[in-house]
N, C-alpha and C. Protein backbone atom coordinates (compact mmCIF):
# COMPACT_ATOMS: atom_id res chain seq x y z
N MET A 1 -12.57 8.80 -14.41
CA MET A 1 -12.39 7.34 -14.28
C MET A 1 -12.61 6.41 -15.47
N LYS A 2 -11.88 5.40 -15.56
CA LYS A 2 -11.90 4.72 -16.83
C LYS A 2 -13.08 3.71 -16.94
N LYS A 3 -13.40 2.91 -15.97
CA LYS A 3 -14.32 1.84 -15.85
C LYS A 3 -15.55 2.17 -15.18
N SER A 4 -16.75 1.53 -15.40
CA SER A 4 -17.80 1.68 -14.69
C SER A 4 -17.61 1.05 -13.33
N LEU A 5 -18.22 1.88 -12.28
CA LEU A 5 -17.99 1.47 -10.99
C LEU A 5 -19.04 0.84 -10.42
N SER A 6 -18.66 -0.15 -9.37
CA SER A 6 -19.68 -0.80 -8.59
C SER A 6 -20.34 0.06 -7.59
N PRO A 7 -21.48 -0.14 -6.94
CA PRO A 7 -21.93 0.59 -5.66
C PRO A 7 -20.83 0.86 -4.68
N TYR A 8 -20.24 -0.07 -4.35
CA TYR A 8 -19.20 0.04 -3.47
C TYR A 8 -18.19 1.07 -3.78
N GLN A 9 -17.85 1.01 -5.02
CA GLN A 9 -16.60 2.02 -5.57
C GLN A 9 -17.23 3.35 -5.69
N VAL A 10 -18.36 3.64 -6.14
CA VAL A 10 -19.10 4.81 -5.99
C VAL A 10 -19.13 5.59 -4.74
N GLU A 11 -19.58 4.70 -3.73
CA GLU A 11 -19.57 5.22 -2.51
C GLU A 11 -18.06 5.61 -2.04
N LEU A 12 -17.01 4.91 -2.32
CA LEU A 12 -15.64 5.18 -2.01
C LEU A 12 -15.25 6.43 -2.69
N ASP A 13 -15.51 6.52 -4.06
CA ASP A 13 -15.18 7.55 -4.91
C ASP A 13 -15.86 8.84 -4.23
N ASN A 14 -17.05 8.99 -3.80
CA ASN A 14 -17.77 10.13 -3.20
C ASN A 14 -17.05 10.43 -2.09
N ALA A 15 -16.46 9.45 -1.11
CA ALA A 15 -15.91 9.88 0.05
C ALA A 15 -14.42 10.47 0.04
N ILE A 16 -13.62 10.14 -1.21
CA ILE A 16 -12.45 10.64 -1.37
C ILE A 16 -12.55 12.01 -1.95
N ARG A 17 -11.76 12.91 -1.37
CA ARG A 17 -11.63 14.41 -1.61
C ARG A 17 -10.32 14.75 -2.70
N ASP A 18 -10.77 15.70 -3.59
CA ASP A 18 -9.55 16.12 -4.45
C ASP A 18 -9.21 17.31 -3.84
N ILE A 19 -7.86 17.40 -3.51
CA ILE A 19 -7.37 18.67 -2.97
C ILE A 19 -6.43 19.27 -4.22
N VAL A 20 -6.72 20.32 -4.66
CA VAL A 20 -5.90 20.93 -5.72
C VAL A 20 -4.85 21.69 -5.32
N ASP A 21 -3.67 21.46 -6.01
CA ASP A 21 -2.38 22.11 -5.85
C ASP A 21 -1.66 21.64 -4.42
N PHE A 22 -1.87 20.43 -4.05
CA PHE A 22 -1.44 20.05 -2.93
C PHE A 22 -0.76 18.52 -3.19
N PRO A 23 0.57 18.46 -2.69
CA PRO A 23 1.23 19.19 -1.87
C PRO A 23 2.24 20.46 -2.56
N LYS A 24 1.98 20.41 -3.92
CA LYS A 24 2.44 21.47 -4.71
C LYS A 24 1.55 21.86 -5.85
N PRO A 25 1.91 22.94 -6.53
CA PRO A 25 1.04 23.25 -7.67
C PRO A 25 1.04 22.35 -8.66
N GLY A 26 -0.17 22.02 -9.43
CA GLY A 26 -0.06 21.11 -10.49
C GLY A 26 -0.63 19.90 -10.03
N ILE A 27 -0.69 19.48 -8.91
CA ILE A 27 -0.94 18.08 -8.11
C ILE A 27 -2.34 18.14 -7.64
N ILE A 28 -3.23 17.18 -7.95
CA ILE A 28 -4.55 16.96 -7.32
C ILE A 28 -4.22 15.85 -6.53
N PHE A 29 -4.44 16.12 -5.22
CA PHE A 29 -4.05 15.14 -4.21
C PHE A 29 -5.46 14.33 -3.63
N LYS A 30 -5.32 13.08 -3.69
CA LYS A 30 -6.45 12.18 -3.35
C LYS A 30 -6.48 11.86 -1.87
N ASP A 31 -7.38 12.65 -0.97
CA ASP A 31 -7.50 12.67 0.28
C ASP A 31 -8.50 11.57 0.79
N LEU A 32 -7.95 10.62 1.41
CA LEU A 32 -8.66 9.67 1.91
C LEU A 32 -9.24 9.67 3.37
N THR A 33 -8.71 10.76 4.03
CA THR A 33 -9.05 11.02 5.45
C THR A 33 -10.68 10.95 5.63
N PRO A 34 -11.50 11.56 4.68
CA PRO A 34 -12.91 11.56 4.93
C PRO A 34 -13.32 9.97 5.01
N VAL A 35 -12.65 9.11 4.34
CA VAL A 35 -13.29 7.73 4.43
C VAL A 35 -13.21 7.24 6.10
N LEU A 36 -12.08 7.70 6.77
CA LEU A 36 -12.07 7.47 8.17
C LEU A 36 -13.33 7.74 9.07
N LEU A 37 -13.89 8.72 8.55
CA LEU A 37 -15.20 9.07 9.29
C LEU A 37 -16.33 8.30 9.04
N ASP A 38 -16.30 7.44 8.15
CA ASP A 38 -17.43 6.51 7.83
C ASP A 38 -16.97 4.96 8.20
N ILE A 39 -17.39 4.62 9.46
CA ILE A 39 -17.01 3.17 9.72
C ILE A 39 -17.66 2.10 8.93
N HIS A 40 -18.82 2.43 8.50
CA HIS A 40 -19.39 1.31 7.44
C HIS A 40 -18.45 1.17 6.14
N LEU A 41 -18.20 2.32 5.67
CA LEU A 41 -17.29 2.20 4.48
C LEU A 41 -15.93 1.63 4.75
N MET A 42 -15.36 1.99 5.97
CA MET A 42 -14.03 1.30 6.28
C MET A 42 -14.16 -0.04 6.31
N ARG A 43 -15.25 -0.66 6.84
CA ARG A 43 -15.51 -2.09 7.07
C ARG A 43 -15.65 -2.66 5.66
N LYS A 44 -16.37 -1.92 4.77
CA LYS A 44 -16.51 -2.64 3.47
C LYS A 44 -14.91 -2.55 2.64
N ILE A 45 -14.09 -1.47 2.87
CA ILE A 45 -12.79 -1.53 2.59
C ILE A 45 -12.01 -2.73 2.92
N ILE A 46 -11.97 -2.74 4.26
CA ILE A 46 -11.45 -3.98 4.91
C ILE A 46 -11.81 -5.37 4.27
N ASP A 47 -13.01 -5.55 4.23
CA ASP A 47 -13.64 -6.84 3.91
C ASP A 47 -13.35 -6.98 2.52
N SER A 48 -13.63 -6.09 1.60
CA SER A 48 -13.19 -6.19 0.28
C SER A 48 -11.66 -6.57 -0.10
N SER A 49 -10.92 -5.56 0.62
CA SER A 49 -9.58 -5.78 0.44
C SER A 49 -9.00 -7.25 0.92
N ALA A 50 -9.58 -7.80 2.09
CA ALA A 50 -8.93 -9.17 2.61
C ALA A 50 -9.53 -10.21 1.56
N ALA A 51 -10.72 -9.83 1.16
CA ALA A 51 -11.41 -10.76 0.24
C ALA A 51 -10.64 -11.20 -0.97
N LYS A 52 -9.83 -10.18 -1.40
CA LYS A 52 -9.05 -10.32 -2.55
C LYS A 52 -7.69 -11.24 -2.41
N TRP A 53 -7.55 -11.33 -1.23
CA TRP A 53 -6.19 -12.16 -0.73
C TRP A 53 -6.63 -13.51 -0.03
N ALA A 54 -7.79 -13.59 0.25
CA ALA A 54 -8.27 -14.74 1.27
C ALA A 54 -7.93 -16.15 0.39
N GLY A 55 -7.39 -16.96 1.02
CA GLY A 55 -7.07 -18.26 0.39
C GLY A 55 -5.97 -18.21 -0.51
N GLY A 56 -5.04 -16.94 -0.30
CA GLY A 56 -3.92 -16.93 -1.21
C GLY A 56 -2.87 -17.37 -0.38
N ASN A 57 -1.69 -17.15 -0.94
CA ASN A 57 -0.38 -17.30 -0.48
C ASN A 57 0.25 -16.21 0.41
N VAL A 58 -0.37 -15.68 1.41
CA VAL A 58 -0.06 -14.50 2.14
C VAL A 58 0.48 -14.94 3.50
N ASP A 59 1.72 -14.83 3.91
CA ASP A 59 2.14 -15.16 5.05
C ASP A 59 2.34 -13.82 6.06
N CYS A 60 2.22 -12.71 5.49
CA CYS A 60 2.18 -11.40 6.65
C CYS A 60 1.80 -10.14 5.45
N VAL A 61 1.36 -9.08 5.96
CA VAL A 61 1.16 -7.81 5.41
C VAL A 61 2.03 -7.01 5.77
N ALA A 62 2.88 -6.11 4.87
CA ALA A 62 3.70 -5.12 5.12
C ALA A 62 3.03 -3.90 4.74
N GLY A 63 2.80 -3.03 5.68
CA GLY A 63 2.28 -1.60 5.46
C GLY A 63 3.23 -0.54 5.38
N ILE A 64 3.01 0.36 4.38
CA ILE A 64 3.93 1.40 4.30
C ILE A 64 3.73 2.66 5.06
N GLU A 65 4.48 3.15 5.73
CA GLU A 65 4.21 4.61 6.71
C GLU A 65 3.61 5.49 5.72
N SER A 66 2.51 6.13 6.25
CA SER A 66 1.80 6.01 7.50
C SER A 66 0.58 5.52 7.16
N ARG A 67 0.02 5.97 5.85
CA ARG A 67 -1.25 5.66 5.44
C ARG A 67 -1.63 4.15 5.24
N GLY A 68 -0.51 3.51 4.92
CA GLY A 68 -0.52 2.19 4.72
C GLY A 68 -0.87 1.44 5.91
N TYR A 69 -0.76 2.08 7.21
CA TYR A 69 -1.09 1.52 8.39
C TYR A 69 -2.66 1.41 8.43
N TRP A 70 -3.25 2.50 7.95
CA TRP A 70 -4.78 2.70 8.22
C TRP A 70 -5.52 1.37 8.10
N PHE A 71 -5.37 0.69 6.98
CA PHE A 71 -6.04 -0.43 6.49
C PHE A 71 -5.30 -1.73 6.70
N GLY A 72 -3.89 -1.51 6.59
CA GLY A 72 -3.03 -2.68 6.43
C GLY A 72 -3.07 -3.62 7.66
N ILE A 73 -3.20 -2.90 8.79
CA ILE A 73 -3.27 -3.80 10.08
C ILE A 73 -4.63 -4.55 10.21
N ALA A 74 -5.56 -3.85 9.71
CA ALA A 74 -6.89 -4.59 9.62
C ALA A 74 -7.15 -5.78 8.59
N ILE A 75 -6.45 -5.40 7.57
CA ILE A 75 -6.48 -6.39 6.46
C ILE A 75 -5.53 -7.77 7.06
N ALA A 76 -4.35 -7.45 7.52
CA ALA A 76 -3.69 -8.55 8.27
C ALA A 76 -4.58 -9.39 9.23
N ASP A 77 -5.25 -8.69 10.14
CA ASP A 77 -6.15 -9.19 11.11
C ASP A 77 -6.99 -10.17 10.48
N LYS A 78 -7.74 -9.52 9.50
CA LYS A 78 -8.80 -10.29 8.83
C LYS A 78 -8.33 -11.51 8.03
N LEU A 79 -6.92 -11.56 7.55
CA LEU A 79 -6.23 -12.52 6.93
C LEU A 79 -5.62 -13.51 8.07
N GLY A 80 -5.71 -13.10 9.27
CA GLY A 80 -5.10 -13.95 10.40
C GLY A 80 -3.63 -14.15 10.33
N VAL A 81 -2.82 -13.03 9.69
CA VAL A 81 -1.45 -13.08 9.49
C VAL A 81 -0.79 -11.65 10.19
N PRO A 82 0.50 -11.78 10.57
CA PRO A 82 1.19 -10.70 11.22
C PRO A 82 1.24 -9.35 10.29
N PHE A 83 1.38 -8.31 10.81
CA PHE A 83 1.68 -6.92 10.32
C PHE A 83 3.16 -6.62 10.54
N ILE A 84 3.84 -6.11 9.31
CA ILE A 84 5.04 -5.71 9.43
C ILE A 84 5.10 -4.33 8.92
N PRO A 85 5.39 -3.37 9.79
CA PRO A 85 5.49 -1.85 9.56
C PRO A 85 6.76 -1.30 8.77
N ILE A 86 6.54 -0.83 7.54
CA ILE A 86 7.71 -0.24 6.88
C ILE A 86 7.58 1.20 7.12
N ARG A 87 8.70 1.80 7.65
CA ARG A 87 8.72 3.29 8.03
C ARG A 87 9.80 4.07 7.41
N LYS A 88 9.46 5.18 7.59
CA LYS A 88 10.49 6.30 7.17
C LYS A 88 12.05 6.04 7.98
N LYS A 89 12.97 6.59 7.38
CA LYS A 89 14.31 6.48 7.92
C LYS A 89 14.18 7.13 9.44
N GLY A 90 14.82 6.45 10.30
CA GLY A 90 14.91 6.97 11.71
C GLY A 90 13.98 7.02 12.57
N LYS A 91 12.74 6.18 12.21
CA LYS A 91 11.52 6.04 13.11
C LYS A 91 11.44 4.70 13.86
N LEU A 92 12.57 3.82 13.36
CA LEU A 92 12.30 2.47 14.07
C LEU A 92 13.50 2.29 15.04
N PRO A 93 13.30 1.83 16.35
CA PRO A 93 14.43 1.60 17.14
C PRO A 93 15.27 0.18 16.76
N GLY A 94 16.30 -0.07 17.21
CA GLY A 94 16.92 -1.52 17.20
C GLY A 94 17.54 -1.69 15.65
N ASP A 95 17.88 -3.00 15.52
CA ASP A 95 18.56 -3.33 14.07
C ASP A 95 17.49 -3.13 13.05
N LYS A 96 17.81 -2.68 12.03
CA LYS A 96 16.69 -2.62 10.76
C LYS A 96 17.61 -2.66 9.57
N VAL A 97 16.96 -2.95 8.45
CA VAL A 97 17.51 -2.82 7.16
C VAL A 97 16.77 -1.57 6.49
N GLU A 98 17.64 -1.00 5.64
CA GLU A 98 17.30 0.32 5.16
C GLU A 98 17.49 0.30 3.61
N ILE A 99 16.63 1.00 2.74
CA ILE A 99 16.74 1.13 1.46
C ILE A 99 16.46 2.59 0.95
N SER A 100 17.33 3.01 0.22
CA SER A 100 17.17 4.54 -0.34
C SER A 100 16.63 4.46 -1.70
N TYR A 101 15.77 5.47 -2.09
CA TYR A 101 15.24 5.41 -3.40
C TYR A 101 15.06 6.75 -3.86
N SER A 102 14.88 6.91 -5.19
CA SER A 102 14.97 8.38 -5.68
C SER A 102 13.32 8.79 -5.77
N LEU A 103 12.93 10.06 -5.67
CA LEU A 103 11.80 10.38 -5.76
C LEU A 103 12.02 11.64 -6.99
N GLU A 104 10.81 11.95 -7.35
CA GLU A 104 10.85 13.15 -8.60
C GLU A 104 11.51 14.48 -8.01
N TYR A 105 11.42 14.45 -6.67
CA TYR A 105 12.15 15.82 -6.08
C TYR A 105 13.37 15.56 -5.23
N GLY A 106 13.79 14.35 -5.06
CA GLY A 106 14.95 14.17 -4.26
C GLY A 106 15.19 12.64 -4.09
N GLU A 107 15.56 12.34 -2.76
CA GLU A 107 15.82 10.97 -2.41
C GLU A 107 15.19 10.71 -1.16
N ALA A 108 14.60 9.49 -0.74
CA ALA A 108 14.12 9.20 0.67
C ALA A 108 14.48 7.69 0.85
N SER A 109 14.37 7.50 2.14
CA SER A 109 14.61 6.12 2.56
C SER A 109 13.58 5.65 3.46
N ILE A 110 13.30 4.17 3.54
CA ILE A 110 12.39 3.41 4.22
C ILE A 110 13.22 2.30 4.87
N GLU A 111 12.62 1.87 6.09
CA GLU A 111 13.35 0.83 6.65
C GLU A 111 12.32 -0.30 7.50
N MET A 112 12.66 -1.34 7.74
CA MET A 112 11.96 -2.37 8.56
C MET A 112 12.93 -3.01 9.56
N HIS A 113 12.27 -3.55 10.56
CA HIS A 113 13.09 -4.30 11.67
C HIS A 113 13.91 -5.68 10.98
N LYS A 114 14.98 -5.81 11.21
CA LYS A 114 15.78 -7.01 10.81
C LYS A 114 15.15 -8.27 11.66
N GLY A 115 14.94 -9.31 11.17
CA GLY A 115 14.32 -10.46 11.83
C GLY A 115 12.92 -10.72 12.19
N HIS A 116 12.25 -9.64 11.60
CA HIS A 116 10.77 -9.75 11.81
C HIS A 116 10.09 -10.34 10.84
N LEU A 117 10.89 -10.57 9.56
CA LEU A 117 10.32 -11.29 8.48
C LEU A 117 11.10 -12.64 8.42
N LYS A 118 10.25 -13.75 8.31
CA LYS A 118 11.03 -15.18 8.36
C LYS A 118 11.37 -15.29 6.76
N PRO A 119 12.46 -15.86 6.67
CA PRO A 119 12.99 -15.94 5.31
C PRO A 119 11.95 -16.96 4.60
N GLY A 120 11.68 -16.72 3.28
CA GLY A 120 10.96 -17.46 2.46
C GLY A 120 9.28 -17.00 2.62
N SER A 121 9.09 -16.00 3.54
CA SER A 121 7.70 -15.57 3.82
C SER A 121 7.18 -14.84 2.42
N SER A 122 5.86 -15.19 2.33
CA SER A 122 5.23 -14.43 1.26
C SER A 122 4.46 -13.36 1.62
N VAL A 123 4.81 -12.11 1.16
CA VAL A 123 4.53 -10.84 1.64
C VAL A 123 3.50 -10.06 1.00
N LEU A 124 2.41 -9.51 1.26
CA LEU A 124 1.47 -8.60 0.69
C LEU A 124 1.90 -7.44 1.14
N ILE A 125 2.28 -6.33 0.08
CA ILE A 125 2.66 -5.15 0.33
C ILE A 125 1.29 -4.26 0.27
N HIS A 126 1.10 -3.32 1.33
CA HIS A 126 -0.32 -2.67 1.16
C HIS A 126 0.27 -1.29 1.31
N ASP A 127 -0.45 -0.21 0.74
CA ASP A 127 -0.32 1.36 0.97
C ASP A 127 -1.55 1.84 0.50
N ASP A 128 -1.99 3.15 0.92
CA ASP A 128 -3.37 3.70 0.64
C ASP A 128 -3.42 4.04 -0.84
N LEU A 129 -2.29 4.40 -1.42
CA LEU A 129 -2.36 4.96 -2.86
C LEU A 129 -1.06 4.49 -3.66
N LEU A 130 -1.23 4.09 -4.96
CA LEU A 130 -0.20 3.92 -5.97
C LEU A 130 -0.27 4.88 -6.95
N ALA A 131 0.88 5.45 -7.06
CA ALA A 131 1.13 6.62 -8.03
C ALA A 131 2.36 6.03 -9.13
N THR A 132 3.40 6.44 -8.97
CA THR A 132 4.49 6.01 -9.75
C THR A 132 5.08 4.56 -9.48
N GLY A 133 4.82 4.09 -8.05
CA GLY A 133 5.38 2.85 -7.65
C GLY A 133 6.68 2.94 -7.23
N GLY A 134 7.34 3.92 -7.00
CA GLY A 134 8.68 4.02 -6.17
C GLY A 134 8.91 3.62 -4.83
N THR A 135 7.94 4.07 -4.08
CA THR A 135 8.07 3.59 -2.75
C THR A 135 7.68 2.19 -2.59
N ALA A 136 6.67 1.69 -3.27
CA ALA A 136 6.34 0.20 -3.34
C ALA A 136 7.43 -0.58 -3.74
N GLU A 137 8.31 -0.16 -4.52
CA GLU A 137 9.41 -0.75 -5.38
C GLU A 137 10.41 -0.81 -4.32
N ALA A 138 10.57 0.20 -3.68
CA ALA A 138 11.72 0.14 -2.44
C ALA A 138 11.24 -0.82 -1.24
N ALA A 139 9.96 -0.91 -1.11
CA ALA A 139 9.45 -1.91 -0.01
C ALA A 139 9.78 -3.50 -0.59
N VAL A 140 9.72 -3.71 -1.95
CA VAL A 140 9.97 -4.87 -2.42
C VAL A 140 11.62 -5.26 -2.05
N LYS A 141 12.38 -4.30 -2.25
CA LYS A 141 13.95 -4.42 -2.09
C LYS A 141 14.01 -5.02 -0.45
N LEU A 142 13.41 -4.03 0.37
CA LEU A 142 13.38 -4.21 1.76
C LEU A 142 13.14 -5.86 2.08
N ILE A 143 11.90 -6.21 1.53
CA ILE A 143 11.48 -7.48 1.88
C ILE A 143 12.30 -8.75 1.27
N GLU A 144 12.89 -8.34 0.02
CA GLU A 144 13.96 -9.38 -0.53
C GLU A 144 15.09 -9.35 0.23
N ALA A 145 15.61 -8.24 0.75
CA ALA A 145 16.78 -8.26 1.55
C ALA A 145 16.77 -8.87 2.57
N GLU A 146 15.50 -9.21 3.22
CA GLU A 146 15.01 -10.01 4.49
C GLU A 146 14.81 -11.26 4.02
N GLY A 147 14.98 -11.87 2.84
CA GLY A 147 14.72 -13.22 2.48
C GLY A 147 13.29 -13.51 2.10
N GLY A 148 12.28 -12.49 2.19
CA GLY A 148 10.98 -12.68 1.81
C GLY A 148 10.72 -12.53 0.29
N GLN A 149 9.55 -12.92 0.01
CA GLN A 149 9.03 -12.74 -1.53
C GLN A 149 7.83 -12.09 -1.49
N VAL A 150 7.61 -11.32 -2.64
CA VAL A 150 6.35 -10.50 -2.74
C VAL A 150 5.27 -11.34 -3.23
N ALA A 151 4.14 -11.49 -2.32
CA ALA A 151 3.08 -12.22 -2.86
C ALA A 151 2.14 -11.32 -3.93
N GLY A 152 2.20 -10.02 -3.56
CA GLY A 152 1.34 -9.12 -4.34
C GLY A 152 1.25 -7.76 -3.75
N PHE A 153 0.74 -6.77 -4.45
CA PHE A 153 0.42 -5.54 -3.94
C PHE A 153 -1.08 -5.22 -3.93
N HIS A 154 -1.33 -4.36 -2.77
CA HIS A 154 -2.72 -3.85 -2.45
C HIS A 154 -2.74 -2.54 -2.14
N PHE A 155 -3.68 -1.71 -2.95
CA PHE A 155 -3.90 -0.16 -2.57
C PHE A 155 -5.34 0.07 -2.50
N ILE A 156 -5.83 1.18 -1.70
CA ILE A 156 -7.07 1.58 -1.85
C ILE A 156 -7.33 2.35 -3.14
N VAL A 157 -6.32 3.13 -3.39
CA VAL A 157 -6.43 4.02 -4.75
C VAL A 157 -5.33 3.57 -5.66
N THR A 158 -5.52 3.50 -6.89
CA THR A 158 -4.57 3.50 -7.94
C THR A 158 -4.49 4.71 -8.93
N LEU A 159 -3.70 5.49 -9.22
CA LEU A 159 -3.58 6.55 -10.20
C LEU A 159 -2.79 5.76 -11.37
N GLY A 160 -3.68 5.01 -12.10
CA GLY A 160 -2.96 4.23 -13.12
C GLY A 160 -2.35 4.97 -14.22
N PHE A 161 -2.76 6.16 -14.71
CA PHE A 161 -2.07 6.98 -15.55
C PHE A 161 -0.60 7.28 -15.22
N LEU A 162 -0.18 7.16 -13.96
CA LEU A 162 1.21 7.41 -13.56
C LEU A 162 2.04 6.28 -13.58
N GLY A 163 1.58 5.15 -14.01
CA GLY A 163 2.39 3.95 -14.49
C GLY A 163 2.84 3.08 -13.25
N GLY A 164 2.13 3.27 -12.15
CA GLY A 164 2.65 2.33 -11.10
C GLY A 164 2.46 0.85 -11.30
N PRO A 165 1.16 0.61 -11.60
CA PRO A 165 0.82 -0.91 -11.75
C PRO A 165 1.84 -1.45 -12.92
N ALA A 166 2.11 -0.96 -14.05
CA ALA A 166 3.01 -1.54 -14.92
C ALA A 166 4.46 -1.69 -14.18
N ARG A 167 4.82 -0.72 -13.52
CA ARG A 167 6.17 -0.87 -12.84
C ARG A 167 6.06 -1.95 -11.76
N LEU A 168 5.21 -1.98 -11.08
CA LEU A 168 5.08 -3.07 -10.09
C LEU A 168 4.98 -4.50 -10.56
N GLY A 169 4.29 -4.56 -11.76
CA GLY A 169 4.01 -5.97 -12.46
C GLY A 169 5.26 -6.66 -12.63
N ASN A 170 6.44 -5.89 -12.60
CA ASN A 170 7.74 -6.66 -12.72
C ASN A 170 8.04 -7.34 -11.46
N PHE A 171 7.46 -7.22 -10.44
CA PHE A 171 7.75 -7.83 -9.10
C PHE A 171 6.79 -8.85 -8.53
N ALA A 172 5.59 -8.72 -9.11
CA ALA A 172 4.43 -9.66 -8.73
C ALA A 172 3.33 -9.55 -9.71
N SER A 173 2.53 -10.65 -9.97
CA SER A 173 1.57 -10.66 -10.90
C SER A 173 0.27 -10.02 -10.62
N SER A 174 0.05 -9.74 -9.22
CA SER A 174 -1.07 -9.09 -8.83
C SER A 174 -0.88 -7.72 -8.07
N VAL A 175 -1.25 -6.87 -8.73
CA VAL A 175 -1.25 -5.23 -8.30
C VAL A 175 -2.83 -4.90 -8.29
N LEU A 176 -3.34 -5.03 -7.00
CA LEU A 176 -4.88 -4.75 -6.85
C LEU A 176 -5.13 -3.56 -6.19
N SER A 177 -6.25 -2.93 -6.37
CA SER A 177 -6.73 -1.66 -5.54
C SER A 177 -8.36 -1.85 -5.41
N GLU A 178 -8.64 -0.85 -4.68
CA GLU A 178 -10.22 -0.90 -4.57
C GLU A 178 -10.92 0.08 -5.48
N ILE A 179 -9.96 1.08 -6.04
CA ILE A 179 -10.59 1.92 -6.97
C ILE A 179 -9.40 2.52 -7.84
N GLU A 180 -9.63 2.71 -9.14
CA GLU A 180 -8.54 3.27 -9.90
C GLU A 180 -8.96 4.42 -10.74
N TYR A 181 -8.17 5.49 -10.69
CA TYR A 181 -8.38 6.78 -11.35
C TYR A 181 -7.54 6.90 -12.51
């Protein structure tokens, strides 16, 4: 870790497991599932996350499937704004807008319902972890395709050494997280 941590961040860091060689050799996966076992830590995450955006210009929170839902819905609730799910291709019924994007190992697509985002809405994009920023950038394109604008980004964990914060800084001035490695 780069910086000194607050007591809350130490608690969060202690709850996050490193899984070596997952999902493929050479990767150290940051597993947040142990965080879900500690309701007090979950509340701290929700409160800290929402506090970063309270009083700001956020009309809704868009969470990226699936781990972006874990805290995204609660953050939206705490802010008193709607939650918009962004899902993998083929998971949403009805009319939707879809964006394809490149991954280091291929291509993927995400989608959201058409008409659920009011044109001009200021959207906070939330996910559990920021690595390279490719999925979050695709979420920006979805939101812009529906006439929204990005208020900022929020993540529980940022892997800053992979360049995601710099990449997303092209779309919003605020790229915030609870802890950075």
